[in-house]
Amino acid sequence: MTVTLQEFNHSRTRTDMPNIKPGHVVKVYQKIVEIKGVGKKAETKERIQIFEGLVLGRKGGTGINATITVRKISGGIGVERIFPINAPTIEKIELVKITKTRRAKLNYMRDRIGKATKPKGELVDPKENMVGMEEKVSEEIAETKDEAETEIKTDSKEVKAVEEDKKEVVAKKEEKAVDDKKEAIKEEKE
């Protein structure tokens, strides 16, 4: 079975990442493997390192090579890191703040000092983080399906009631028509 490059890349892209745009403040959780010792006595230790900062830009779109550039000020010095979004070393990316920008690259933020380096925007509720939006959307879809089904049931009950009312009205009209014919026959006989 042959697999095209596009299919392979699509199978390796992660779906649990939020839609990250320039101007967002994010926390990137990255796995770090520390090796202590040399040779056969080497021990590996894994930990997660958090890097929180402003997203200056994004490259690679939504493909497998997509990267984000994150900048933070640490000890008065600007530190930038480039993270590949689909790398297995990235545990998760969490949105902290969403800001609206009018540019695709925020390189001008490198020249900012002090308070000007902090973007203004809305804080994201950690409970409603953008990671795992598929579950939230599927829950909303299930709720709307349930609501639609209850509406259909109530509508079907209403339709049945209207049909029963129609039957009663038709039956009454037929009885009246029969009574009118009987009276008309009686009048003709007299």
N, C-alpha and C. Protein backbone atom coordinates (compact mmCIF):
# COMPACT_ATOMS: atom_id res chain seq x y z
N MET A 1 0.84 -1.18 0.00
CA MET A 1 0.00 0.00 0.00
C MET A 1 0.89 1.24 0.00
N THR A 2 0.65 2.08 -0.95
CA THR A 2 1.45 3.30 -1.03
C THR A 2 0.70 4.46 -0.39
N VAL A 3 1.46 5.26 0.29
CA VAL A 3 0.89 6.42 0.97
C VAL A 3 1.54 7.66 0.39
N THR A 4 0.72 8.61 -0.01
CA THR A 4 1.28 9.84 -0.57
C THR A 4 1.86 10.69 0.55
N LEU A 5 2.69 11.61 0.17
CA LEU A 5 3.33 12.50 1.15
C LEU A 5 2.28 13.34 1.88
N GLN A 6 1.27 13.78 1.17
CA GLN A 6 0.21 14.59 1.79
C GLN A 6 -0.54 13.78 2.85
N GLU A 7 -0.86 12.52 2.53
CA GLU A 7 -1.55 11.67 3.50
C GLU A 7 -0.68 11.42 4.72
N PHE A 8 0.61 11.19 4.50
CA PHE A 8 1.53 10.97 5.61
C PHE A 8 1.60 12.20 6.51
N ASN A 9 1.77 13.37 5.89
CA ASN A 9 1.84 14.61 6.65
C ASN A 9 0.54 14.87 7.40
N HIS A 10 -0.57 14.59 6.76
CA HIS A 10 -1.88 14.81 7.41
C HIS A 10 -2.05 13.88 8.61
N SER A 11 -1.53 12.67 8.50
CA SER A 11 -1.66 11.73 9.61
C SER A 11 -0.77 12.12 10.79
N ARG A 12 0.28 12.89 10.54
CA ARG A 12 1.21 13.29 11.61
C ARG A 12 0.85 14.64 12.23
N THR A 13 -0.05 15.40 11.64
CA THR A 13 -0.41 16.70 12.22
C THR A 13 -1.29 16.48 13.44
N ARG A 14 -1.11 17.33 14.44
CA ARG A 14 -1.84 17.18 15.70
C ARG A 14 -3.14 17.97 15.64
N THR A 15 -4.17 17.35 16.18
CA THR A 15 -5.49 17.99 16.19
C THR A 15 -5.83 18.57 17.55
N ASP A 16 -4.99 18.32 18.55
CA ASP A 16 -5.29 18.79 19.91
C ASP A 16 -4.72 20.17 20.20
N MET A 17 -4.18 20.84 19.20
CA MET A 17 -3.59 22.16 19.40
C MET A 17 -4.63 23.25 19.12
N PRO A 18 -4.58 24.33 19.90
CA PRO A 18 -5.50 25.43 19.63
C PRO A 18 -5.08 26.19 18.38
N ASN A 19 -5.96 27.03 17.88
CA ASN A 19 -5.66 27.85 16.72
C ASN A 19 -4.84 29.04 17.20
N ILE A 20 -3.54 28.96 17.03
CA ILE A 20 -2.62 29.98 17.56
C ILE A 20 -2.35 31.00 16.47
N LYS A 21 -2.49 32.27 16.84
CA LYS A 21 -2.26 33.36 15.90
C LYS A 21 -1.28 34.35 16.52
N PRO A 22 -0.63 35.18 15.70
CA PRO A 22 0.24 36.21 16.25
C PRO A 22 -0.55 37.15 17.15
N GLY A 23 0.03 37.48 18.29
CA GLY A 23 -0.64 38.34 19.26
C GLY A 23 -1.19 37.58 20.45
N HIS A 24 -1.33 36.27 20.33
CA HIS A 24 -1.80 35.47 21.46
C HIS A 24 -0.66 35.26 22.45
N VAL A 25 -1.01 35.23 23.72
CA VAL A 25 -0.04 34.87 24.75
C VAL A 25 -0.29 33.41 25.08
N VAL A 26 0.76 32.59 24.98
CA VAL A 26 0.61 31.15 25.14
C VAL A 26 1.60 30.60 26.17
N LYS A 27 1.24 29.44 26.72
CA LYS A 27 2.16 28.65 27.54
C LYS A 27 2.47 27.40 26.74
N VAL A 28 3.74 27.17 26.46
CA VAL A 28 4.16 25.99 25.72
C VAL A 28 4.80 25.02 26.71
N TYR A 29 4.22 23.83 26.81
CA TYR A 29 4.74 22.79 27.69
C TYR A 29 5.59 21.86 26.84
N GLN A 30 6.91 21.88 27.09
CA GLN A 30 7.84 21.10 26.29
C GLN A 30 8.53 20.05 27.15
N LYS A 31 8.63 18.82 26.62
CA LYS A 31 9.34 17.74 27.33
C LYS A 31 10.84 17.95 27.15
N ILE A 32 11.55 17.88 28.26
CA ILE A 32 13.00 17.99 28.23
C ILE A 32 13.56 16.68 28.78
N VAL A 33 14.48 16.06 28.05
CA VAL A 33 15.11 14.82 28.51
C VAL A 33 16.52 15.17 28.96
N GLU A 34 16.80 14.92 30.24
CA GLU A 34 18.12 15.19 30.80
C GLU A 34 18.86 13.86 30.92
N ILE A 35 20.12 13.85 30.49
CA ILE A 35 20.94 12.64 30.57
C ILE A 35 22.05 12.88 31.58
N LYS A 36 22.10 12.04 32.60
CA LYS A 36 23.15 12.14 33.62
C LYS A 36 24.04 10.92 33.49
N GLY A 37 25.31 11.13 33.49
CA GLY A 37 26.25 10.02 33.40
C GLY A 37 26.70 9.80 31.97
N VAL A 38 27.62 8.83 31.81
CA VAL A 38 28.18 8.54 30.50
C VAL A 38 28.12 7.04 30.25
N GLY A 39 27.86 6.66 29.02
CA GLY A 39 27.90 5.26 28.63
C GLY A 39 26.75 4.46 29.21
N LYS A 40 27.09 3.28 29.76
CA LYS A 40 26.08 2.37 30.29
C LYS A 40 25.48 2.87 31.60
N LYS A 41 26.19 3.74 32.28
CA LYS A 41 25.70 4.27 33.55
C LYS A 41 24.81 5.50 33.37
N ALA A 42 24.55 5.87 32.14
CA ALA A 42 23.75 7.07 31.86
C ALA A 42 22.30 6.86 32.30
N GLU A 43 21.78 7.84 32.96
CA GLU A 43 20.38 7.82 33.40
C GLU A 43 19.65 8.96 32.70
N THR A 44 18.45 8.66 32.25
CA THR A 44 17.64 9.71 31.61
C THR A 44 16.53 10.11 32.55
N LYS A 45 16.27 11.39 32.56
CA LYS A 45 15.22 11.95 33.41
C LYS A 45 14.40 12.90 32.55
N GLU A 46 13.10 12.73 32.57
CA GLU A 46 12.21 13.57 31.77
C GLU A 46 11.49 14.57 32.65
N ARG A 47 11.37 15.80 32.16
CA ARG A 47 10.59 16.82 32.86
C ARG A 47 9.91 17.70 31.83
N ILE A 48 8.97 18.49 32.31
CA ILE A 48 8.26 19.39 31.41
C ILE A 48 8.64 20.82 31.76
N GLN A 49 9.06 21.56 30.74
CA GLN A 49 9.45 22.95 30.92
C GLN A 49 8.39 23.84 30.28
N ILE A 50 7.98 24.88 31.00
CA ILE A 50 6.94 25.78 30.51
C ILE A 50 7.60 27.07 30.02
N PHE A 51 7.22 27.49 28.82
CA PHE A 51 7.70 28.75 28.25
C PHE A 51 6.48 29.58 27.92
N GLU A 52 6.30 30.70 28.64
CA GLU A 52 5.13 31.55 28.43
C GLU A 52 5.57 32.85 27.78
N GLY A 53 4.90 33.21 26.69
CA GLY A 53 5.25 34.44 26.01
C GLY A 53 4.28 34.80 24.90
N LEU A 54 4.61 35.87 24.19
CA LEU A 54 3.78 36.40 23.11
C LEU A 54 4.18 35.75 21.79
N VAL A 55 3.19 35.34 21.01
CA VAL A 55 3.46 34.75 19.69
C VAL A 55 3.71 35.89 18.72
N LEU A 56 4.95 35.94 18.19
CA LEU A 56 5.30 37.00 17.23
C LEU A 56 4.90 36.64 15.81
N GLY A 57 4.89 35.36 15.49
CA GLY A 57 4.55 34.96 14.14
C GLY A 57 4.37 33.47 14.04
N ARG A 58 3.84 33.07 12.89
CA ARG A 58 3.60 31.66 12.63
C ARG A 58 4.06 31.37 11.22
N LYS A 59 4.73 30.24 11.03
CA LYS A 59 5.19 29.83 9.70
C LYS A 59 4.67 28.44 9.41
N GLY A 60 4.50 28.13 8.16
CA GLY A 60 4.12 26.78 7.76
C GLY A 60 2.63 26.52 7.77
N GLY A 61 1.83 27.51 8.09
CA GLY A 61 0.37 27.36 8.06
C GLY A 61 -0.10 26.30 9.03
N THR A 62 -0.90 25.36 8.51
CA THR A 62 -1.42 24.29 9.35
C THR A 62 -0.75 22.96 9.04
N GLY A 63 0.31 22.99 8.23
CA GLY A 63 0.99 21.76 7.82
C GLY A 63 1.86 21.17 8.92
N ILE A 64 2.55 20.12 8.55
CA ILE A 64 3.38 19.40 9.52
C ILE A 64 4.60 20.22 9.92
N ASN A 65 5.04 21.14 9.09
CA ASN A 65 6.21 21.96 9.37
C ASN A 65 5.85 23.27 10.06
N ALA A 66 4.64 23.42 10.55
CA ALA A 66 4.19 24.67 11.16
C ALA A 66 5.00 24.97 12.42
N THR A 67 5.44 26.22 12.55
CA THR A 67 6.18 26.65 13.73
C THR A 67 5.61 27.97 14.23
N ILE A 68 5.82 28.24 15.52
CA ILE A 68 5.46 29.54 16.08
C ILE A 68 6.68 30.12 16.77
N THR A 69 6.82 31.44 16.70
CA THR A 69 7.89 32.13 17.38
C THR A 69 7.29 32.79 18.62
N VAL A 70 7.82 32.43 19.79
CA VAL A 70 7.30 32.94 21.06
C VAL A 70 8.39 33.76 21.72
N ARG A 71 8.01 34.95 22.23
CA ARG A 71 8.97 35.86 22.86
C ARG A 71 8.52 36.20 24.26
N LYS A 72 9.49 36.22 25.19
CA LYS A 72 9.21 36.67 26.55
C LYS A 72 10.39 37.49 27.04
N ILE A 73 10.15 38.28 28.08
CA ILE A 73 11.22 39.06 28.70
C ILE A 73 11.60 38.34 29.99
N SER A 74 12.86 37.94 30.08
CA SER A 74 13.34 37.22 31.25
C SER A 74 14.55 37.96 31.82
N GLY A 75 14.39 38.53 33.01
CA GLY A 75 15.50 39.27 33.63
C GLY A 75 15.89 40.49 32.84
N GLY A 76 14.92 41.14 32.19
CA GLY A 76 15.19 42.34 31.41
C GLY A 76 15.76 42.07 30.03
N ILE A 77 15.89 40.81 29.68
CA ILE A 77 16.43 40.44 28.37
C ILE A 77 15.35 39.70 27.59
N GLY A 78 15.19 40.04 26.33
CA GLY A 78 14.21 39.38 25.48
C GLY A 78 14.70 38.02 25.04
N VAL A 79 13.85 37.00 25.23
CA VAL A 79 14.20 35.64 24.85
C VAL A 79 13.15 35.15 23.86
N GLU A 80 13.62 34.65 22.72
CA GLU A 80 12.70 34.12 21.71
C GLU A 80 13.02 32.66 21.46
N ARG A 81 11.97 31.89 21.27
CA ARG A 81 12.14 30.48 20.91
C ARG A 81 11.19 30.15 19.78
N ILE A 82 11.62 29.26 18.92
CA ILE A 82 10.79 28.79 17.82
C ILE A 82 10.38 27.36 18.15
N PHE A 83 9.07 27.13 18.20
CA PHE A 83 8.55 25.81 18.54
C PHE A 83 7.85 25.20 17.34
N PRO A 84 8.22 23.97 16.95
CA PRO A 84 7.43 23.26 15.94
C PRO A 84 6.16 22.74 16.60
N ILE A 85 5.02 23.11 16.07
CA ILE A 85 3.73 22.79 16.70
C ILE A 85 3.48 21.29 16.74
N ASN A 86 3.86 20.56 15.69
CA ASN A 86 3.55 19.14 15.60
C ASN A 86 4.65 18.23 16.15
N ALA A 87 5.63 18.80 16.82
CA ALA A 87 6.72 17.98 17.36
C ALA A 87 6.22 17.13 18.52
N PRO A 88 6.74 15.91 18.65
CA PRO A 88 6.31 15.06 19.77
C PRO A 88 6.83 15.57 21.12
N THR A 89 7.83 16.45 21.11
CA THR A 89 8.34 16.99 22.37
C THR A 89 7.43 18.04 22.98
N ILE A 90 6.50 18.56 22.18
CA ILE A 90 5.55 19.55 22.70
C ILE A 90 4.40 18.78 23.34
N GLU A 91 4.29 18.90 24.65
CA GLU A 91 3.23 18.21 25.39
C GLU A 91 1.88 18.84 25.09
N LYS A 92 1.80 20.17 25.28
CA LYS A 92 0.58 20.89 24.95
C LYS A 92 0.89 22.37 24.85
N ILE A 93 -0.02 23.10 24.24
CA ILE A 93 0.06 24.56 24.15
C ILE A 93 -1.24 25.10 24.71
N GLU A 94 -1.10 26.02 25.65
CA GLU A 94 -2.27 26.56 26.35
C GLU A 94 -2.39 28.05 26.06
N LEU A 95 -3.57 28.51 25.67
CA LEU A 95 -3.79 29.94 25.46
C LEU A 95 -3.99 30.62 26.79
N VAL A 96 -3.31 31.74 27.00
CA VAL A 96 -3.45 32.51 28.22
C VAL A 96 -4.25 33.78 27.96
N LYS A 97 -3.91 34.45 26.85
CA LYS A 97 -4.56 35.71 26.52
C LYS A 97 -4.72 35.81 25.01
N ILE A 98 -5.86 36.33 24.59
CA ILE A 98 -6.10 36.52 23.16
C ILE A 98 -6.13 38.02 22.88
N THR A 99 -5.28 38.46 21.98
CA THR A 99 -5.27 39.87 21.59
C THR A 99 -5.53 39.97 20.10
N LYS A 100 -6.10 41.07 19.71
CA LYS A 100 -6.39 41.28 18.29
C LYS A 100 -5.27 42.11 17.68
N THR A 101 -4.68 41.62 16.61
CA THR A 101 -3.61 42.35 15.93
C THR A 101 -3.98 42.52 14.47
N ARG A 102 -3.30 43.48 13.84
CA ARG A 102 -3.58 43.73 12.44
C ARG A 102 -2.43 43.30 11.53
N ARG A 103 -1.46 42.61 12.12
CA ARG A 103 -0.31 42.17 11.34
C ARG A 103 -0.09 40.68 11.50
N ALA A 104 0.57 40.10 10.52
CA ALA A 104 0.88 38.67 10.57
C ALA A 104 2.18 38.41 11.33
N LYS A 105 3.08 39.36 11.35
CA LYS A 105 4.34 39.24 12.07
C LYS A 105 4.46 40.46 12.99
N LEU A 106 4.75 40.20 14.26
CA LEU A 106 4.84 41.29 15.24
C LEU A 106 6.29 41.59 15.58
N ASN A 107 7.13 41.76 14.57
CA ASN A 107 8.54 42.01 14.79
C ASN A 107 8.79 43.34 15.49
N TYR A 108 7.87 44.28 15.39
CA TYR A 108 8.03 45.58 16.04
C TYR A 108 8.02 45.45 17.56
N MET A 109 7.51 44.33 18.11
CA MET A 109 7.48 44.14 19.56
C MET A 109 8.88 43.98 20.13
N ARG A 110 9.86 43.66 19.30
CA ARG A 110 11.23 43.49 19.77
C ARG A 110 11.83 44.82 20.24
N ASP A 111 11.34 45.92 19.69
CA ASP A 111 11.86 47.24 20.04
C ASP A 111 11.14 47.85 21.24
N ARG A 112 10.08 47.23 21.69
CA ARG A 112 9.30 47.78 22.80
C ARG A 112 9.99 47.53 24.13
N ILE A 113 9.79 48.46 25.06
CA ILE A 113 10.41 48.35 26.39
C ILE A 113 9.34 48.56 27.44
N GLY A 114 9.44 47.80 28.54
CA GLY A 114 8.58 48.00 29.71
C GLY A 114 7.15 47.57 29.48
N LYS A 115 6.23 48.49 29.84
CA LYS A 115 4.81 48.17 29.79
C LYS A 115 4.31 47.96 28.37
N ALA A 116 4.98 48.55 27.40
CA ALA A 116 4.56 48.44 26.00
C ALA A 116 4.73 47.03 25.46
N THR A 117 5.49 46.18 26.16
CA THR A 117 5.70 44.81 25.68
C THR A 117 4.52 43.91 26.03
N LYS A 118 3.65 44.38 26.92
CA LYS A 118 2.52 43.55 27.33
C LYS A 118 1.31 43.88 26.46
N PRO A 119 0.84 42.92 25.69
CA PRO A 119 -0.32 43.19 24.82
C PRO A 119 -1.61 43.27 25.62
N LYS A 120 -2.52 44.12 25.16
CA LYS A 120 -3.83 44.23 25.80
C LYS A 120 -4.78 43.29 25.10
N GLY A 121 -5.60 42.62 25.89
CA GLY A 121 -6.56 41.69 25.31
C GLY A 121 -7.34 40.97 26.38
N GLU A 122 -8.14 39.99 25.97
CA GLU A 122 -8.98 39.24 26.90
C GLU A 122 -8.22 38.04 27.44
N LEU A 123 -8.38 37.81 28.73
CA LEU A 123 -7.81 36.61 29.33
C LEU A 123 -8.71 35.43 28.99
N VAL A 124 -8.11 34.29 28.78
CA VAL A 124 -8.86 33.08 28.46
C VAL A 124 -9.09 32.32 29.76
N ASP A 125 -10.32 31.87 29.96
CA ASP A 125 -10.64 31.07 31.12
C ASP A 125 -9.94 29.72 30.98
N PRO A 126 -9.15 29.30 31.98
CA PRO A 126 -8.44 28.03 31.83
C PRO A 126 -9.36 26.83 31.65
N LYS A 127 -10.57 26.91 32.18
CA LYS A 127 -11.52 25.81 32.01
C LYS A 127 -11.98 25.70 30.57
N GLU A 128 -12.02 26.83 29.90
CA GLU A 128 -12.49 26.85 28.52
C GLU A 128 -11.32 27.06 27.57
N ASN A 129 -10.22 26.35 27.81
CA ASN A 129 -9.06 26.46 26.96
C ASN A 129 -9.40 25.92 25.58
N MET A 130 -8.76 26.43 24.57
CA MET A 130 -9.08 26.06 23.20
C MET A 130 -8.64 24.64 22.87
N VAL A 131 -7.78 24.05 23.69
CA VAL A 131 -7.37 22.67 23.44
C VAL A 131 -8.57 21.77 23.72
N GLY A 132 -8.85 20.86 22.86
CA GLY A 132 -9.96 19.94 23.05
C GLY A 132 -11.29 20.55 22.63
N MET A 133 -11.27 21.48 21.69
CA MET A 133 -12.51 22.11 21.26
C MET A 133 -13.43 21.11 20.57
N GLU A 134 -12.86 20.05 20.02
CA GLU A 134 -13.68 19.04 19.35
C GLU A 134 -14.68 18.43 20.32
N GLU A 135 -14.23 18.16 21.54
CA GLU A 135 -15.13 17.58 22.55
C GLU A 135 -16.25 18.55 22.87
N LYS A 136 -15.89 19.82 23.03
CA LYS A 136 -16.88 20.83 23.36
C LYS A 136 -17.90 20.97 22.23
N VAL A 137 -17.39 20.99 21.00
CA VAL A 137 -18.27 21.12 19.84
C VAL A 137 -19.18 19.90 19.74
N SER A 138 -18.62 18.70 19.97
CA SER A 138 -19.44 17.49 19.89
C SER A 138 -20.51 17.50 20.98
N GLU A 139 -20.17 18.02 22.17
CA GLU A 139 -21.17 18.13 23.23
C GLU A 139 -22.28 19.10 22.83
N GLU A 140 -21.89 20.24 22.23
CA GLU A 140 -22.88 21.21 21.79
C GLU A 140 -23.77 20.62 20.70
N ILE A 141 -23.16 19.84 19.80
CA ILE A 141 -23.94 19.20 18.74
C ILE A 141 -24.92 18.21 19.34
N ALA A 142 -24.48 17.44 20.32
CA ALA A 142 -25.36 16.48 20.99
C ALA A 142 -26.51 17.20 21.69
N GLU A 143 -26.20 18.34 22.34
CA GLU A 143 -27.25 19.11 23.01
C GLU A 143 -28.26 19.63 21.99
N THR A 144 -27.77 20.17 20.87
CA THR A 144 -28.69 20.68 19.86
C THR A 144 -29.51 19.56 19.24
N LYS A 145 -28.90 18.37 19.10
CA LYS A 145 -29.67 17.22 18.59
C LYS A 145 -30.78 16.86 19.56
N ASP A 146 -30.44 16.83 20.86
CA ASP A 146 -31.45 16.52 21.88
C ASP A 146 -32.57 17.54 21.85
N GLU A 147 -32.20 18.83 21.75
CA GLU A 147 -33.21 19.88 21.69
C GLU A 147 -34.09 19.71 20.44
N ALA A 148 -33.44 19.40 19.31
CA ALA A 148 -34.19 19.22 18.07
C ALA A 148 -35.14 18.03 18.19
N GLU A 149 -34.66 16.94 18.80
CA GLU A 149 -35.52 15.77 18.96
C GLU A 149 -36.72 16.09 19.85
N THR A 150 -36.49 16.83 20.94
CA THR A 150 -37.62 17.20 21.81
C THR A 150 -38.58 18.11 21.07
N GLU A 151 -38.03 19.04 20.27
CA GLU A 151 -38.90 19.91 19.47
C GLU A 151 -39.71 19.08 18.48
N ILE A 152 -39.06 18.10 17.85
CA ILE A 152 -39.77 17.25 16.89
C ILE A 152 -40.87 16.47 17.59
N LYS A 153 -40.55 15.96 18.79
CA LYS A 153 -41.56 15.21 19.53
C LYS A 153 -42.74 16.10 19.88
N THR A 154 -42.43 17.32 20.37
CA THR A 154 -43.53 18.23 20.72
C THR A 154 -44.28 18.64 19.47
N ASP A 155 -43.52 18.89 18.37
CA ASP A 155 -44.18 19.23 17.11
C ASP A 155 -45.05 18.08 16.63
N SER A 156 -44.56 16.85 16.76
CA SER A 156 -45.36 15.70 16.31
C SER A 156 -46.61 15.55 17.17
N LYS A 157 -46.48 15.84 18.48
CA LYS A 157 -47.66 15.81 19.35
C LYS A 157 -48.66 16.87 18.92
N GLU A 158 -48.15 18.06 18.61
CA GLU A 158 -49.02 19.13 18.15
C GLU A 158 -49.68 18.76 16.82
N VAL A 159 -48.88 18.15 15.92
CA VAL A 159 -49.42 17.73 14.62
C VAL A 159 -50.53 16.70 14.83
N LYS A 160 -50.29 15.74 15.73
CA LYS A 160 -51.32 14.73 16.02
C LYS A 160 -52.57 15.38 16.58
N ALA A 161 -52.39 16.36 17.48
CA ALA A 161 -53.55 17.05 18.05
C ALA A 161 -54.30 17.79 16.96
N VAL A 162 -53.59 18.46 16.06
CA VAL A 162 -54.24 19.18 14.96
C VAL A 162 -54.96 18.20 14.05
N GLU A 163 -54.34 17.05 13.75
CA GLU A 163 -54.99 16.05 12.91
C GLU A 163 -56.26 15.52 13.57
N GLU A 164 -56.19 15.28 14.89
CA GLU A 164 -57.39 14.83 15.60
C GLU A 164 -58.48 15.89 15.56
N ASP A 165 -58.09 17.15 15.73
CA ASP A 165 -59.06 18.25 15.64
C ASP A 165 -59.68 18.28 14.24
N LYS A 166 -58.86 18.09 13.22
CA LYS A 166 -59.37 18.08 11.85
C LYS A 166 -60.38 16.95 11.66
N LYS A 167 -60.01 15.76 12.18
CA LYS A 167 -60.93 14.62 12.06
C LYS A 167 -62.26 14.92 12.73
N GLU A 168 -62.20 15.53 13.92
CA GLU A 168 -63.43 15.87 14.63
C GLU A 168 -64.26 16.86 13.84
N VAL A 169 -63.60 17.88 13.27
CA VAL A 169 -64.31 18.89 12.48
C VAL A 169 -64.93 18.25 11.25
N VAL A 170 -64.17 17.38 10.57
CA VAL A 170 -64.70 16.69 9.38
C VAL A 170 -65.88 15.81 9.76
N ALA A 171 -65.76 15.09 10.89
CA ALA A 171 -66.85 14.23 11.34
C ALA A 171 -68.09 15.07 11.64
N LYS A 172 -67.94 16.21 12.29
CA LYS A 172 -69.07 17.08 12.60
C LYS A 172 -69.70 17.61 11.32
N LYS A 173 -68.88 17.99 10.34
CA LYS A 173 -69.42 18.48 9.07
C LYS A 173 -70.19 17.39 8.35
N GLU A 174 -69.63 16.15 8.38
CA GLU A 174 -70.33 15.05 7.74
C GLU A 174 -71.68 14.79 8.43
N GLU A 175 -71.68 14.81 9.77
CA GLU A 175 -72.94 14.62 10.51
C GLU A 175 -73.94 15.70 10.16
N LYS A 176 -73.45 16.93 10.09
CA LYS A 176 -74.34 18.05 9.76
C LYS A 176 -74.89 17.89 8.34
N ALA A 177 -74.01 17.46 7.42
CA ALA A 177 -74.44 17.27 6.03
C ALA A 177 -75.49 16.16 5.96
N VAL A 178 -75.30 15.08 6.71
CA VAL A 178 -76.27 13.98 6.75
C VAL A 178 -77.59 14.48 7.34
N ASP A 179 -77.52 15.22 8.43
CA ASP A 179 -78.74 15.78 9.06
C ASP A 179 -79.47 16.71 8.09
N ASP A 180 -78.71 17.54 7.37
CA ASP A 180 -79.32 18.45 6.40
C ASP A 180 -80.02 17.68 5.28
N LYS A 181 -79.40 16.59 4.81
CA LYS A 181 -80.01 15.78 3.75
C LYS A 181 -81.30 15.13 4.25
N LYS A 182 -81.24 14.63 5.52
CA LYS A 182 -82.44 14.00 6.10
C LYS A 182 -83.57 15.02 6.19
N GLU A 183 -83.26 16.22 6.61
CA GLU A 183 -84.29 17.27 6.71
C GLU A 183 -84.82 17.63 5.34
N ALA A 184 -83.91 17.68 4.37
CA ALA A 184 -84.34 18.03 3.01
C ALA A 184 -85.25 16.93 2.47
N ILE A 185 -84.97 15.68 2.74
CA ILE A 185 -85.81 14.56 2.29
C ILE A 185 -87.17 14.63 2.97
N LYS A 186 -87.19 14.95 4.28
CA LYS A 186 -88.46 15.07 5.00
C LYS A 186 -89.31 16.17 4.45
N GLU A 187 -88.69 17.28 4.09
CA GLU A 187 -89.44 18.41 3.52
C GLU A 187 -90.00 18.07 2.18
N GLU A 188 -89.28 17.29 1.36
CA GLU A 188 -89.77 16.90 0.04
C GLU A 188 -90.96 15.96 0.17
N LYS A 189 -90.93 15.07 1.15
CA LYS A 189 -92.02 14.12 1.35
C LYS A 189 -93.26 14.84 1.81
N GLU A 190 -93.13 15.88 2.53
CA GLU A 190 -94.30 16.60 3.05
C GLU A 190 -94.83 17.44 1.98
